[in-house]
Amino acid sequence: MRVEKSQSGRPYAGRSAAEKPYSGGRRPTGKPQYERQSERAPRSSRKSLESSQEREEYAWVLDYLPYGKSVDGIASFQKKPLVQAVGDKKFTLMELVPKNGVVPEIQSRVYIGPGDRDEIDHVKQRIGYSDLTTGANLELPFILEACVRYQEARFVMFFNTAHPITTRLHMLDLLPGIGKKILWSIIDERKKGDFKSFEDIRERIPSLYDPVKVITNRIEEELKDDFIKYRLFTTPPRRQKAG
């Protein structure tokens, strides 16, 4: 397996899953013209196309701040360490408080679910893309790619089961770099049999340069834009309470 490296040049420890995905859907009858529609929408109309009930149990460390943030007016020696991380189910951006004496390694995958935790004491809060440190911002694309590779079966399943959202818009339309020609190539090819892996997708759809980067770029788009209309892989940000 090819080892991906981060901005700092260190290799990731992620691995690919070998689980077989579910079967794909059918090509819609007739010839509806799937067209890209504006994804900018009011918060009230945002839609998440995956279940939002799952809580994050694991997170990938984006940055470690030994003295916390520098914007709260507290002296450095009084501050507690802080970790910025991204969940690997819904890609929730968050801040974590590590256990005393523990320094989580950047790019590592840490447990944040119920029960005993080795490295993290508690989840402090959910944050937005604009709250990321410079270091976390630089690491994010590389860690998202590592996370997608780590969950290969999940995202291969997406290519097998993606379906129309409206009569003019398909879920595959929302992936960067996928136009009508590639969209129909994917739909036609999966009717011959499920895609088994990212490599299988590349071999059967040569015009799709890299399915991993396509998924990664979409996740990053959703994290950056609070008002994006359709969410394939993330949950909407929490609304700010009126002052």
Protein backbone atom coordinates (compact mmCIF):
# COMPACT_ATOMS: atom_id res chain seq x y z
CA MET A 1 0.00 0.00 0.00
CA ARG A 2 1.24 3.47 -0.85
CA VAL A 3 2.14 5.49 2.23
CA GLU A 4 0.86 9.05 2.26
CA LYS A 5 2.83 11.84 3.94
CA SER A 6 1.68 14.98 5.66
CA GLN A 7 2.87 18.56 5.33
CA SER A 8 5.63 17.69 7.79
CA GLY A 9 6.74 14.71 5.72
CA ARG A 10 5.85 12.07 8.30
CA PRO A 11 4.04 8.93 7.04
CA TYR A 12 0.55 8.03 8.11
CA ALA A 13 -0.29 4.72 9.75
CA GLY A 14 -3.70 4.41 8.09
CA ARG A 15 -4.68 1.19 6.38
CA SER A 16 -7.27 0.21 3.77
CA ALA A 17 -10.27 -1.93 4.62
CA ALA A 18 -11.07 -5.01 2.56
CA GLU A 19 -14.76 -5.15 3.34
CA LYS A 20 -17.07 -5.77 0.39
CA PRO A 21 -19.44 -2.84 -0.28
CA TYR A 22 -23.14 -3.04 -0.93
CA SER A 23 -24.63 -3.30 -4.40
CA GLY A 24 -25.23 -0.24 -6.52
CA GLY A 25 -28.39 1.52 -7.61
CA ARG A 26 -30.17 1.76 -10.96
CA ARG A 27 -29.81 4.31 -13.67
CA PRO A 28 -32.89 6.56 -13.66
CA THR A 29 -35.39 5.98 -16.45
CA GLY A 30 -35.45 8.47 -19.28
CA LYS A 31 -32.65 10.97 -19.69
CA PRO A 32 -32.91 13.65 -17.00
CA GLN A 33 -30.22 16.25 -17.43
CA TYR A 34 -28.29 16.24 -14.17
CA GLU A 35 -27.08 19.78 -13.85
CA ARG A 36 -24.98 21.38 -11.18
CA GLN A 37 -27.21 23.52 -9.01
CA SER A 38 -26.10 26.26 -6.65
CA GLU A 39 -25.10 24.81 -3.32
CA ARG A 40 -25.27 28.06 -1.43
CA ALA A 41 -28.40 28.00 0.70
CA PRO A 42 -29.85 29.38 3.94
CA ARG A 43 -29.13 27.32 7.05
CA SER A 44 -32.76 26.20 7.17
CA SER A 45 -32.45 24.38 3.84
CA ARG A 46 -29.16 22.56 4.42
CA LYS A 47 -29.42 18.83 3.92
CA SER A 48 -27.19 16.02 5.18
CA LEU A 49 -27.41 12.97 2.92
CA GLU A 50 -25.92 10.57 5.48
CA SER A 51 -27.30 9.69 8.91
CA SER A 52 -26.43 12.34 11.49
CA GLN A 53 -27.20 10.17 14.52
CA GLU A 54 -23.74 8.64 14.91
CA ARG A 55 -21.44 10.21 17.46
CA GLU A 56 -17.74 10.45 16.82
CA GLU A 57 -15.75 7.75 18.62
CA TYR A 58 -12.36 8.36 17.03
CA ALA A 59 -10.61 11.54 15.96
CA TRP A 60 -7.43 12.35 14.06
CA VAL A 61 -5.09 14.85 15.71
CA LEU A 62 -4.54 17.98 13.63
CA ASP A 63 -2.53 20.08 16.08
CA TYR A 64 -1.30 20.03 19.68
CA LEU A 65 -1.23 23.29 21.65
CA PRO A 66 0.82 22.82 24.84
CA TYR A 67 -0.42 26.16 26.24
CA GLY A 68 -3.87 26.23 24.74
CA LYS A 69 -5.08 29.16 22.69
CA SER A 70 -3.55 32.63 22.94
CA VAL A 71 -6.79 34.57 22.52
CA ASP A 72 -8.46 34.05 25.89
CA GLY A 73 -6.39 36.52 27.94
CA ILE A 74 -5.06 33.88 30.35
CA ALA A 75 -1.35 33.74 31.15
CA SER A 76 0.48 30.91 29.37
CA PHE A 77 1.53 29.15 32.58
CA GLN A 78 -2.12 28.92 33.67
CA LYS A 79 -3.36 27.38 30.44
CA LYS A 80 -4.02 23.71 29.84
CA PRO A 81 -2.90 21.82 26.73
CA LEU A 82 -5.40 21.60 23.89
CA VAL A 83 -5.76 19.36 20.86
CA GLN A 84 -7.50 20.24 17.61
CA ALA A 85 -8.85 17.20 15.79
CA VAL A 86 -11.28 15.94 13.16
CA GLY A 87 -13.67 13.03 13.71
CA ASP A 88 -13.59 10.12 11.29
CA LYS A 89 -17.34 9.43 10.98
CA LYS A 90 -18.84 12.83 10.21
CA PHE A 91 -15.55 14.77 10.06
CA THR A 92 -16.56 16.97 12.98
CA LEU A 93 -13.92 19.57 13.85
CA MET A 94 -13.35 19.74 17.60
CA GLU A 95 -11.08 20.67 20.46
CA LEU A 96 -10.01 18.01 22.93
CA VAL A 97 -8.33 18.16 26.34
CA PRO A 98 -5.61 15.51 26.69
CA LYS A 99 -4.93 13.65 29.93
CA ASN A 100 -2.28 15.03 32.24
CA GLY A 101 1.20 14.26 30.99
CA VAL A 102 -0.02 12.92 27.63
CA VAL A 103 1.07 14.53 24.37
CA PRO A 104 -1.01 13.10 21.49
CA GLU A 105 1.02 12.85 18.31
CA ILE A 106 -0.09 14.87 15.31
CA GLN A 107 -1.66 12.58 12.66
CA SER A 108 -2.49 9.93 15.27
CA ARG A 109 -5.97 8.44 15.64
CA VAL A 110 -7.27 8.74 19.21
CA TYR A 111 -10.31 7.26 20.96
CA ILE A 112 -12.86 9.81 22.22
CA GLY A 113 -15.89 7.55 22.76
CA PRO A 114 -17.47 6.40 26.03
CA GLY A 115 -15.50 4.45 28.60
CA ASP A 116 -11.76 4.48 29.27
CA ARG A 117 -9.57 6.60 27.04
CA ASP A 118 -5.80 6.34 26.86
CA GLU A 119 -4.95 9.85 25.70
CA ILE A 120 -7.97 12.15 25.79
CA ASP A 121 -9.62 13.36 29.00
CA HIS A 122 -12.68 14.93 27.38
CA VAL A 123 -14.04 16.70 24.33
CA LYS A 124 -14.03 20.43 25.06
CA GLN A 125 -16.14 21.76 22.20
CA ARG A 126 -17.02 21.60 18.55
CA ILE A 127 -15.31 24.21 16.37
CA GLY A 128 -15.56 25.56 12.84
CA TYR A 129 -13.08 25.62 9.99
CA SER A 130 -12.18 29.26 10.75
CA ASP A 131 -11.18 28.25 14.30
CA LEU A 132 -8.37 25.95 13.13
CA THR A 133 -4.79 26.94 13.85
CA THR A 134 -2.39 27.47 10.99
CA GLY A 135 -0.82 24.08 11.71
CA ALA A 136 -4.18 22.31 11.82
CA ASN A 137 -5.21 23.98 8.58
CA LEU A 138 -2.06 22.73 6.84
CA GLU A 139 -2.50 19.18 8.13
CA LEU A 140 -6.23 18.90 7.37
CA PRO A 141 -6.07 17.89 3.66
CA PHE A 142 -3.44 15.22 4.34
CA ILE A 143 -5.29 13.79 7.33
CA LEU A 144 -8.62 13.77 5.48
CA GLU A 145 -6.97 11.77 2.70
CA ALA A 146 -5.48 9.34 5.22
CA CYS A 147 -8.91 8.98 6.86
CA VAL A 148 -10.60 8.23 3.52
CA ARG A 149 -8.00 5.57 2.72
CA TYR A 150 -8.41 4.10 6.21
CA GLN A 151 -12.17 3.68 5.57
CA GLU A 152 -11.90 2.46 1.99
CA ALA A 153 -14.93 0.15 2.15
CA ARG A 154 -17.21 2.99 3.30
CA PHE A 155 -16.29 5.29 0.43
CA VAL A 156 -16.21 2.59 -2.23
CA MET A 157 -19.76 1.81 -1.07
CA PHE A 158 -20.66 5.43 -1.77
CA PHE A 159 -19.67 5.01 -5.44
CA ASN A 160 -21.81 1.85 -5.57
CA THR A 161 -24.92 3.33 -3.98
CA ALA A 162 -24.93 7.05 -4.89
CA HIS A 163 -28.34 8.02 -6.28
CA PRO A 164 -30.27 11.01 -7.66
CA ILE A 165 -31.15 13.75 -5.18
CA THR A 166 -33.59 15.49 -7.51
CA THR A 167 -34.62 14.97 -11.14
CA ARG A 168 -31.72 17.23 -12.16
CA LEU A 169 -29.08 16.51 -9.55
CA HIS A 170 -27.24 13.28 -8.69
CA MET A 171 -25.10 12.70 -5.60
CA LEU A 172 -22.14 12.05 -7.89
CA ASP A 173 -22.62 15.53 -9.37
CA LEU A 174 -21.50 16.97 -6.05
CA LEU A 175 -18.04 15.43 -6.27
CA PRO A 176 -15.41 17.87 -7.63
CA GLY A 177 -14.24 16.97 -11.12
CA ILE A 178 -17.12 14.63 -11.98
CA GLY A 179 -19.10 15.80 -14.99
CA LYS A 180 -21.91 14.09 -16.87
CA LYS A 181 -19.64 11.82 -18.88
CA ILE A 182 -17.86 10.40 -15.83
CA LEU A 183 -21.14 10.24 -13.90
CA TRP A 184 -22.77 8.00 -16.50
CA SER A 185 -19.59 5.95 -16.82
CA ILE A 186 -19.76 5.19 -13.10
CA ILE A 187 -23.48 4.35 -13.21
CA ASP A 188 -23.10 2.11 -16.28
CA GLU A 189 -19.97 0.37 -14.99
CA ARG A 190 -21.37 -0.48 -11.57
CA LYS A 191 -24.34 -2.21 -13.22
CA LYS A 192 -21.82 -4.79 -14.41
CA GLY A 193 -20.77 -5.44 -10.82
CA ASP A 194 -19.93 -3.58 -7.63
CA PHE A 195 -16.70 -1.67 -7.33
CA LYS A 196 -14.43 -3.55 -4.95
CA SER A 197 -11.77 -0.98 -4.10
CA PHE A 198 -10.36 2.40 -5.05
CA GLU A 199 -7.98 0.65 -7.42
CA ASP A 200 -10.93 -1.14 -9.04
CA ILE A 201 -12.65 2.22 -9.60
CA ARG A 202 -9.50 3.68 -11.19
CA GLU A 203 -9.11 0.71 -13.51
CA ARG A 204 -12.76 0.62 -14.63
CA ILE A 205 -13.19 4.43 -14.84
CA PRO A 206 -9.85 5.64 -16.30
CA SER A 207 -11.15 9.20 -16.66
CA LEU A 208 -11.63 9.44 -12.88
CA TYR A 209 -8.05 10.38 -11.96
CA ASP A 210 -8.18 9.57 -8.24
CA PRO A 211 -11.37 8.66 -6.32
CA VAL A 212 -9.61 9.24 -2.98
CA LYS A 213 -8.78 12.86 -3.79
CA VAL A 214 -12.26 13.43 -5.22
CA ILE A 215 -13.84 12.35 -1.92
CA THR A 216 -11.25 14.25 0.14
CA ASN A 217 -11.84 17.48 -1.80
CA ARG A 218 -15.60 17.19 -1.30
CA ILE A 219 -15.21 16.70 2.46
CA GLU A 220 -12.96 19.75 2.66
CA GLU A 221 -15.48 21.83 0.68
CA GLU A 222 -18.22 20.88 3.15
CA LEU A 223 -16.05 21.78 6.14
CA LYS A 224 -15.13 25.17 4.71
CA ASP A 225 -18.66 26.27 3.74
CA ASP A 226 -21.20 26.58 6.57
CA PHE A 227 -23.96 27.34 4.06
CA ILE A 228 -23.40 24.54 1.55
CA LYS A 229 -26.80 23.09 0.61
CA TYR A 230 -26.07 19.36 0.34
CA ARG A 231 -23.76 17.48 2.68
CA LEU A 232 -22.61 14.04 1.56
CA PHE A 233 -20.21 13.26 4.38
CA THR A 234 -20.44 15.90 7.12
CA THR A 235 -23.02 17.33 9.50
CA PRO A 236 -24.11 21.00 9.48
CA PRO A 237 -22.33 23.28 11.97
CA ARG A 238 -24.18 24.19 15.12
CA ARG A 239 -26.19 27.36 14.91
CA GLN A 240 -24.93 30.32 16.88
CA LYS A 241 -27.27 31.36 19.65
CA ALA A 242 -28.69 34.84 19.30
CA GLY A 243 -27.13 37.27 21.75
